[in-house]
Structure formats: structure tokens, C-alpha cells
Amino acid sequence: MITTIALIFRILLSAILGAIVGFEREIEEKPAGIRTHILVCMGATLFTISSFYLTPLSSGDATRIAAGIVTGIGFIGAGSIIATKGHVKGLTTAASLWVVSGIGMMVGLGSYILSSASAIIVFIVLRLGEIKKKILK
């Protein structure tokens, strides 16, 4: 059985990792910034944790909640994409929300190293993309 302290640690870690990615989006003044990324990451962590507590009670499948997270975040991401006159805006932010939900799920499963490494890699990828755009201007 996982202790309450360990579960709180998972929530705090997901908030920190979501903040790392969200901070980059905040720097670039994107609509989904630090708070949104923290909440998405924490939500995915909470749902993942809860799936393991609810499954034994309902004799259900824990992966169904993970599938729900992926689907739900797809709707949120789609809402951040704006297409006007052949120009698409918000696709990277949608992708960052999607990957942050995956990071949150991994934290919920207790995979701290993989989720932390992923958050750092996502931050670097996002920064490199913004640096490239500034160089090419």
C-alpha cells in the first residue's frame, strides 16, 4: 500500500514538472501557460492514482482511465488550436498539454525518473523551437 506522504509527493512532483513545461509557454506568452500545464499534469496524476484505487472496487480495467485522460486532453488541446486563412496557431501548445498529461500519468504510476527526464526534454525542445524562430526572423 502506498502511503499518503508518497501520494502527496506524486502530486507535488507533477505540479513541479507541469510548471517546468508551462514556464516555457509562459515565457513565450502563449495562452496555456504555467497554471494550465500544472493543472493538466496534476489532473493526469490524480486520475492515474485514482484508477488504481477504483479498479479493485469495480473489477474494472485501470487502463480505461488512462484512455479517458488521453481523449480528454485531446479536446483541451484542440481548443487551443486556431486555424485562420491557412495559418495554424497553437499546435505546439496543444502538443505540450498532451505530453504534460503523459508526464502526469507517469508520475501517478510512480515513474519519477522517466517523468522528470521527459519534462526537461520537453522544455529543451520547446526552447530550441523558439530560439530557431528568433534566428530565422
N, C-alpha and C. Protein backbone atom coordinates (compact mmCIF):
# COMPACT_ATOMS: atom_id res chain seq x y z
N MET A 1 0.83 -1.19 0.00
CA MET A 1 0.00 0.00 0.00
C MET A 1 0.88 1.25 0.00
N ILE A 2 0.52 2.20 -0.81
CA ILE A 2 1.28 3.45 -0.90
C ILE A 2 0.84 4.38 0.22
N THR A 3 1.81 5.03 0.85
CA THR A 3 1.49 5.94 1.96
C THR A 3 0.93 7.25 1.43
N THR A 4 0.24 7.94 2.29
CA THR A 4 -0.31 9.25 1.94
C THR A 4 0.81 10.22 1.59
N ILE A 5 1.92 10.14 2.28
CA ILE A 5 3.07 11.01 2.00
C ILE A 5 3.58 10.78 0.58
N ALA A 6 3.66 9.52 0.17
CA ALA A 6 4.12 9.18 -1.18
C ALA A 6 3.15 9.72 -2.23
N LEU A 7 1.87 9.67 -1.95
CA LEU A 7 0.87 10.19 -2.89
C LEU A 7 0.96 11.71 -2.99
N ILE A 8 1.16 12.37 -1.86
CA ILE A 8 1.33 13.82 -1.87
C ILE A 8 2.59 14.19 -2.64
N PHE A 9 3.65 13.41 -2.46
CA PHE A 9 4.88 13.64 -3.22
C PHE A 9 4.60 13.58 -4.72
N ARG A 10 3.82 12.61 -5.15
CA ARG A 10 3.49 12.47 -6.57
C ARG A 10 2.75 13.70 -7.08
N ILE A 11 1.84 14.21 -6.30
CA ILE A 11 1.09 15.41 -6.71
C ILE A 11 2.03 16.62 -6.79
N LEU A 12 2.88 16.78 -5.79
CA LEU A 12 3.84 17.90 -5.80
C LEU A 12 4.81 17.78 -6.98
N LEU A 13 5.31 16.57 -7.24
CA LEU A 13 6.21 16.38 -8.37
C LEU A 13 5.52 16.71 -9.68
N SER A 14 4.28 16.28 -9.82
CA SER A 14 3.56 16.58 -11.07
C SER A 14 3.35 18.08 -11.22
N ALA A 15 3.12 18.78 -10.12
CA ALA A 15 2.97 20.24 -10.19
C ALA A 15 4.29 20.89 -10.63
N ILE A 16 5.39 20.40 -10.11
CA ILE A 16 6.70 20.95 -10.48
C ILE A 16 7.02 20.67 -11.95
N LEU A 17 6.79 19.45 -12.38
CA LEU A 17 7.09 19.10 -13.78
C LEU A 17 6.16 19.83 -14.75
N GLY A 18 4.90 19.96 -14.39
CA GLY A 18 3.98 20.75 -15.21
C GLY A 18 4.41 22.21 -15.27
N ALA A 19 4.93 22.72 -14.15
CA ALA A 19 5.40 24.10 -14.10
C ALA A 19 6.62 24.32 -14.99
N ILE A 20 7.48 23.33 -15.07
CA ILE A 20 8.67 23.45 -15.92
C ILE A 20 8.25 23.67 -17.37
N VAL A 21 7.34 22.85 -17.85
CA VAL A 21 6.88 22.98 -19.23
C VAL A 21 6.04 24.24 -19.39
N GLY A 22 5.15 24.48 -18.44
CA GLY A 22 4.30 25.67 -18.51
C GLY A 22 5.07 26.97 -18.44
N PHE A 23 6.19 26.96 -17.73
CA PHE A 23 7.03 28.15 -17.63
C PHE A 23 7.54 28.57 -19.00
N GLU A 24 7.93 27.59 -19.80
CA GLU A 24 8.41 27.89 -21.15
C GLU A 24 7.29 28.52 -21.97
N ARG A 25 6.09 27.99 -21.87
CA ARG A 25 4.95 28.54 -22.61
C ARG A 25 4.62 29.94 -22.11
N GLU A 26 4.82 30.16 -20.81
CA GLU A 26 4.57 31.47 -20.20
C GLU A 26 5.57 32.50 -20.72
N ILE A 27 6.84 32.10 -20.84
CA ILE A 27 7.88 32.99 -21.37
C ILE A 27 7.48 33.49 -22.75
N GLU A 28 6.92 32.60 -23.55
CA GLU A 28 6.53 32.94 -24.92
C GLU A 28 5.13 33.54 -25.01
N GLU A 29 4.53 33.80 -23.84
CA GLU A 29 3.21 34.42 -23.75
C GLU A 29 2.14 33.67 -24.53
N LYS A 30 2.15 32.36 -24.39
CA LYS A 30 1.15 31.51 -25.03
C LYS A 30 -0.08 31.44 -24.13
N PRO A 31 -1.25 31.17 -24.71
CA PRO A 31 -2.49 31.16 -23.91
C PRO A 31 -2.49 30.12 -22.78
N ALA A 32 -1.96 28.95 -23.03
CA ALA A 32 -1.88 27.92 -21.99
C ALA A 32 -0.50 28.02 -21.37
N GLY A 33 -0.44 28.65 -20.19
CA GLY A 33 0.84 28.89 -19.54
C GLY A 33 1.09 27.96 -18.37
N ILE A 34 1.73 28.51 -17.38
CA ILE A 34 2.19 27.71 -16.25
C ILE A 34 1.04 27.08 -15.47
N ARG A 35 0.00 27.84 -15.19
CA ARG A 35 -1.11 27.29 -14.40
C ARG A 35 -1.82 26.16 -15.15
N THR A 36 -2.06 26.36 -16.42
CA THR A 36 -2.75 25.33 -17.21
C THR A 36 -1.94 24.05 -17.24
N HIS A 37 -0.64 24.16 -17.47
CA HIS A 37 0.20 22.97 -17.55
C HIS A 37 0.30 22.26 -16.19
N ILE A 38 0.37 23.04 -15.11
CA ILE A 38 0.38 22.43 -13.78
C ILE A 38 -0.92 21.66 -13.55
N LEU A 39 -2.04 22.28 -13.86
CA LEU A 39 -3.33 21.64 -13.62
C LEU A 39 -3.52 20.39 -14.47
N VAL A 40 -3.10 20.44 -15.73
CA VAL A 40 -3.22 19.26 -16.59
C VAL A 40 -2.35 18.13 -16.05
N CYS A 41 -1.13 18.44 -15.67
CA CYS A 41 -0.22 17.42 -15.16
C CYS A 41 -0.74 16.84 -13.85
N MET A 42 -1.19 17.70 -12.94
CA MET A 42 -1.74 17.22 -11.67
C MET A 42 -3.01 16.39 -11.89
N GLY A 43 -3.86 16.84 -12.78
CA GLY A 43 -5.08 16.10 -13.06
C GLY A 43 -4.79 14.71 -13.58
N ALA A 44 -3.84 14.61 -14.50
CA ALA A 44 -3.47 13.29 -15.04
C ALA A 44 -2.90 12.41 -13.93
N THR A 45 -2.12 13.00 -13.04
CA THR A 45 -1.57 12.24 -11.92
C THR A 45 -2.68 11.75 -11.00
N LEU A 46 -3.59 12.62 -10.66
CA LEU A 46 -4.69 12.25 -9.77
C LEU A 46 -5.56 11.15 -10.38
N PHE A 47 -5.89 11.29 -11.67
CA PHE A 47 -6.71 10.27 -12.31
C PHE A 47 -5.98 8.93 -12.39
N THR A 48 -4.68 8.99 -12.64
CA THR A 48 -3.91 7.74 -12.70
C THR A 48 -3.86 7.07 -11.34
N ILE A 49 -3.60 7.86 -10.31
CA ILE A 49 -3.59 7.30 -8.94
C ILE A 49 -4.96 6.71 -8.61
N SER A 50 -6.00 7.48 -8.91
CA SER A 50 -7.35 7.01 -8.57
C SER A 50 -7.74 5.75 -9.33
N SER A 51 -7.19 5.58 -10.54
CA SER A 51 -7.54 4.39 -11.31
C SER A 51 -7.11 3.11 -10.59
N PHE A 52 -6.03 3.19 -9.84
CA PHE A 52 -5.56 2.01 -9.13
C PHE A 52 -6.33 1.76 -7.84
N TYR A 53 -6.93 2.82 -7.30
CA TYR A 53 -7.78 2.65 -6.12
C TYR A 53 -9.18 2.22 -6.49
N LEU A 54 -9.68 2.67 -7.64
CA LEU A 54 -11.04 2.36 -8.05
C LEU A 54 -11.16 0.99 -8.71
N THR A 55 -10.12 0.56 -9.42
CA THR A 55 -10.19 -0.70 -10.16
C THR A 55 -10.51 -1.90 -9.28
N PRO A 56 -9.85 -2.07 -8.14
CA PRO A 56 -10.20 -3.24 -7.32
C PRO A 56 -11.65 -3.20 -6.81
N LEU A 57 -12.18 -2.00 -6.63
CA LEU A 57 -13.55 -1.86 -6.13
C LEU A 57 -14.58 -2.20 -7.20
N SER A 58 -14.24 -1.91 -8.46
CA SER A 58 -15.25 -2.07 -9.51
C SER A 58 -14.98 -3.27 -10.42
N SER A 59 -13.91 -3.98 -10.17
CA SER A 59 -13.45 -5.08 -11.03
C SER A 59 -13.33 -4.62 -12.47
N GLY A 60 -12.88 -3.37 -12.64
CA GLY A 60 -12.72 -2.79 -13.97
C GLY A 60 -11.28 -2.82 -14.42
N ASP A 61 -11.03 -2.11 -15.48
CA ASP A 61 -9.72 -2.06 -16.10
C ASP A 61 -9.09 -0.69 -15.85
N ALA A 62 -7.93 -0.65 -15.20
CA ALA A 62 -7.26 0.61 -14.86
C ALA A 62 -6.87 1.40 -16.11
N THR A 63 -6.67 0.73 -17.21
CA THR A 63 -6.24 1.44 -18.43
C THR A 63 -7.36 2.27 -19.03
N ARG A 64 -8.59 2.01 -18.64
CA ARG A 64 -9.71 2.80 -19.17
C ARG A 64 -9.60 4.26 -18.74
N ILE A 65 -9.13 4.51 -17.53
CA ILE A 65 -8.97 5.88 -17.06
C ILE A 65 -7.85 6.55 -17.84
N ALA A 66 -6.77 5.82 -18.10
CA ALA A 66 -5.68 6.38 -18.91
C ALA A 66 -6.19 6.76 -20.30
N ALA A 67 -7.00 5.93 -20.88
CA ALA A 67 -7.57 6.23 -22.20
C ALA A 67 -8.46 7.47 -22.12
N GLY A 68 -9.17 7.62 -21.03
CA GLY A 68 -10.00 8.81 -20.83
C GLY A 68 -9.17 10.07 -20.71
N ILE A 69 -8.02 9.97 -20.06
CA ILE A 69 -7.12 11.13 -19.94
C ILE A 69 -6.65 11.55 -21.33
N VAL A 70 -6.21 10.60 -22.12
CA VAL A 70 -5.71 10.90 -23.46
C VAL A 70 -6.81 11.55 -24.31
N THR A 71 -8.00 11.01 -24.24
CA THR A 71 -9.12 11.55 -25.01
C THR A 71 -9.49 12.95 -24.52
N GLY A 72 -9.61 13.10 -23.21
CA GLY A 72 -9.99 14.39 -22.64
C GLY A 72 -9.01 15.49 -22.95
N ILE A 73 -7.74 15.18 -22.85
CA ILE A 73 -6.73 16.20 -23.13
C ILE A 73 -6.71 16.54 -24.61
N GLY A 74 -7.11 15.60 -25.44
CA GLY A 74 -7.23 15.88 -26.87
C GLY A 74 -8.24 16.99 -27.13
N PHE A 75 -9.33 16.99 -26.39
CA PHE A 75 -10.34 18.05 -26.54
C PHE A 75 -9.80 19.39 -26.07
N ILE A 76 -9.08 19.39 -24.95
CA ILE A 76 -8.50 20.64 -24.45
C ILE A 76 -7.47 21.17 -25.45
N GLY A 77 -6.63 20.27 -25.96
CA GLY A 77 -5.62 20.67 -26.94
C GLY A 77 -6.25 21.20 -28.21
N ALA A 78 -7.30 20.55 -28.66
CA ALA A 78 -7.97 21.00 -29.88
C ALA A 78 -8.54 22.40 -29.69
N GLY A 79 -8.97 22.71 -28.48
CA GLY A 79 -9.48 24.04 -28.20
C GLY A 79 -8.42 25.13 -28.22
N SER A 80 -7.16 24.74 -28.11
CA SER A 80 -6.08 25.74 -28.12
C SER A 80 -5.53 25.99 -29.52
N ILE A 81 -6.03 25.23 -30.50
CA ILE A 81 -5.56 25.38 -31.88
C ILE A 81 -6.51 26.30 -32.64
N ILE A 82 -5.94 27.29 -33.29
CA ILE A 82 -6.72 28.23 -34.08
C ILE A 82 -6.20 28.20 -35.51
N ALA A 83 -7.11 27.98 -36.45
CA ALA A 83 -6.73 27.98 -37.87
C ALA A 83 -7.41 29.16 -38.55
N THR A 84 -6.61 30.02 -39.17
CA THR A 84 -7.15 31.16 -39.90
C THR A 84 -6.40 31.33 -41.21
N LYS A 85 -7.12 31.37 -42.30
CA LYS A 85 -6.57 31.63 -43.63
C LYS A 85 -5.30 30.83 -43.91
N GLY A 86 -5.36 29.53 -43.67
CA GLY A 86 -4.23 28.67 -43.98
C GLY A 86 -3.10 28.73 -42.96
N HIS A 87 -3.28 29.46 -41.87
CA HIS A 87 -2.25 29.59 -40.83
C HIS A 87 -2.77 28.91 -39.57
N VAL A 88 -2.00 27.99 -39.03
CA VAL A 88 -2.39 27.27 -37.82
C VAL A 88 -1.59 27.82 -36.65
N LYS A 89 -2.29 28.14 -35.57
CA LYS A 89 -1.64 28.68 -34.38
C LYS A 89 -2.08 27.86 -33.17
N GLY A 90 -1.17 27.56 -32.28
CA GLY A 90 -1.49 26.85 -31.06
C GLY A 90 -1.19 25.36 -31.08
N LEU A 91 -0.65 24.88 -32.18
CA LEU A 91 -0.39 23.45 -32.30
C LEU A 91 0.67 22.98 -31.29
N THR A 92 1.71 23.77 -31.11
CA THR A 92 2.76 23.39 -30.16
C THR A 92 2.23 23.43 -28.73
N THR A 93 1.40 24.41 -28.42
CA THR A 93 0.82 24.46 -27.09
C THR A 93 -0.08 23.25 -26.85
N ALA A 94 -0.85 22.87 -27.85
CA ALA A 94 -1.70 21.67 -27.74
C ALA A 94 -0.83 20.44 -27.50
N ALA A 95 0.27 20.36 -28.22
CA ALA A 95 1.17 19.21 -28.06
C ALA A 95 1.81 19.21 -26.68
N SER A 96 2.16 20.39 -26.17
CA SER A 96 2.77 20.45 -24.84
C SER A 96 1.76 20.04 -23.77
N LEU A 97 0.50 20.40 -23.94
CA LEU A 97 -0.53 19.95 -22.99
C LEU A 97 -0.70 18.43 -23.05
N TRP A 98 -0.65 17.90 -24.26
CA TRP A 98 -0.79 16.46 -24.44
C TRP A 98 0.35 15.71 -23.76
N VAL A 99 1.58 16.17 -23.99
CA VAL A 99 2.73 15.48 -23.40
C VAL A 99 2.77 15.67 -21.88
N VAL A 100 2.33 16.83 -21.39
CA VAL A 100 2.29 17.05 -19.95
C VAL A 100 1.30 16.08 -19.28
N SER A 101 0.22 15.76 -19.97
CA SER A 101 -0.70 14.77 -19.40
C SER A 101 -0.01 13.40 -19.31
N GLY A 102 0.81 13.08 -20.30
CA GLY A 102 1.58 11.83 -20.25
C GLY A 102 2.58 11.84 -19.11
N ILE A 103 3.22 12.97 -18.90
CA ILE A 103 4.17 13.11 -17.79
C ILE A 103 3.42 12.91 -16.47
N GLY A 104 2.26 13.52 -16.35
CA GLY A 104 1.45 13.37 -15.14
C GLY A 104 1.04 11.93 -14.90
N MET A 105 0.69 11.24 -15.97
CA MET A 105 0.33 9.83 -15.84
C MET A 105 1.52 9.02 -15.32
N MET A 106 2.70 9.30 -15.83
CA MET A 106 3.89 8.56 -15.39
C MET A 106 4.22 8.86 -13.93
N VAL A 107 4.01 10.11 -13.51
CA VAL A 107 4.21 10.43 -12.09
C VAL A 107 3.21 9.63 -11.25
N GLY A 108 1.96 9.59 -11.71
CA GLY A 108 0.94 8.83 -10.99
C GLY A 108 1.28 7.36 -10.86
N LEU A 109 1.98 6.82 -11.84
CA LEU A 109 2.42 5.43 -11.80
C LEU A 109 3.67 5.23 -10.94
N GLY A 110 4.29 6.34 -10.55
CA GLY A 110 5.49 6.26 -9.71
C GLY A 110 6.79 6.25 -10.48
N SER A 111 6.75 6.60 -11.75
CA SER A 111 7.96 6.63 -12.57
C SER A 111 8.56 8.04 -12.53
N TYR A 112 9.28 8.33 -11.47
CA TYR A 112 9.78 9.68 -11.23
C TYR A 112 10.91 10.08 -12.17
N ILE A 113 11.82 9.17 -12.46
CA ILE A 113 12.97 9.50 -13.31
C ILE A 113 12.51 9.73 -14.75
N LEU A 114 11.70 8.83 -15.28
CA LEU A 114 11.21 8.98 -16.65
C LEU A 114 10.38 10.26 -16.81
N SER A 115 9.51 10.52 -15.86
CA SER A 115 8.68 11.72 -15.97
C SER A 115 9.52 13.00 -15.83
N SER A 116 10.48 13.00 -14.94
CA SER A 116 11.34 14.18 -14.76
C SER A 116 12.20 14.42 -15.99
N ALA A 117 12.79 13.35 -16.51
CA ALA A 117 13.60 13.48 -17.73
C ALA A 117 12.74 13.97 -18.90
N SER A 118 11.53 13.46 -18.99
CA SER A 118 10.63 13.87 -20.08
C SER A 118 10.30 15.35 -19.99
N ALA A 119 10.02 15.84 -18.79
CA ALA A 119 9.71 17.27 -18.62
C ALA A 119 10.89 18.14 -19.03
N ILE A 120 12.08 17.74 -18.67
CA ILE A 120 13.28 18.51 -19.04
C ILE A 120 13.48 18.48 -20.55
N ILE A 121 13.30 17.32 -21.15
CA ILE A 121 13.45 17.21 -22.61
C ILE A 121 12.41 18.06 -23.32
N VAL A 122 11.17 18.04 -22.86
CA VAL A 122 10.11 18.86 -23.47
C VAL A 122 10.47 20.33 -23.36
N PHE A 123 10.94 20.76 -22.19
CA PHE A 123 11.35 22.16 -22.00
C PHE A 123 12.43 22.53 -23.02
N ILE A 124 13.43 21.68 -23.17
CA ILE A 124 14.53 21.95 -24.10
C ILE A 124 14.01 22.01 -25.54
N VAL A 125 13.16 21.08 -25.91
CA VAL A 125 12.60 21.06 -27.27
C VAL A 125 11.82 22.35 -27.54
N LEU A 126 11.01 22.77 -26.59
CA LEU A 126 10.23 23.99 -26.77
C LEU A 126 11.14 25.22 -26.88
N ARG A 127 12.17 25.27 -26.05
CA ARG A 127 13.11 26.42 -26.10
C ARG A 127 13.85 26.43 -27.43
N LEU A 128 14.30 25.27 -27.90
CA LEU A 128 15.02 25.21 -29.17
C LEU A 128 14.14 25.70 -30.32
N GLY A 129 12.87 25.35 -30.27
CA GLY A 129 11.94 25.81 -31.31
C GLY A 129 11.79 27.31 -31.30
N GLU A 130 11.71 27.90 -30.13
CA GLU A 130 11.58 29.36 -30.04
C GLU A 130 12.88 30.05 -30.44
N ILE A 131 14.02 29.48 -30.09
CA ILE A 131 15.32 30.04 -30.49
C ILE A 131 15.45 30.01 -32.01
N LYS A 132 15.04 28.89 -32.61
CA LYS A 132 15.09 28.75 -34.07
C LYS A 132 14.24 29.83 -34.74
N LYS A 133 13.05 30.05 -34.22
CA LYS A 133 12.16 31.07 -34.81
C LYS A 133 12.80 32.46 -34.74
N LYS A 134 13.48 32.77 -33.64
CA LYS A 134 14.12 34.08 -33.50
C LYS A 134 15.31 34.24 -34.41
N ILE A 135 16.05 33.15 -34.62
CA ILE A 135 17.21 33.19 -35.52
C ILE A 135 16.77 33.40 -36.96
N LEU A 136 15.67 32.73 -37.35
CA LEU A 136 15.20 32.80 -38.73
C LEU A 136 14.46 34.09 -39.06
N LYS A 137 14.16 34.91 -38.08
CA LYS A 137 13.44 36.18 -38.34
C LYS A 137 14.30 37.18 -39.03
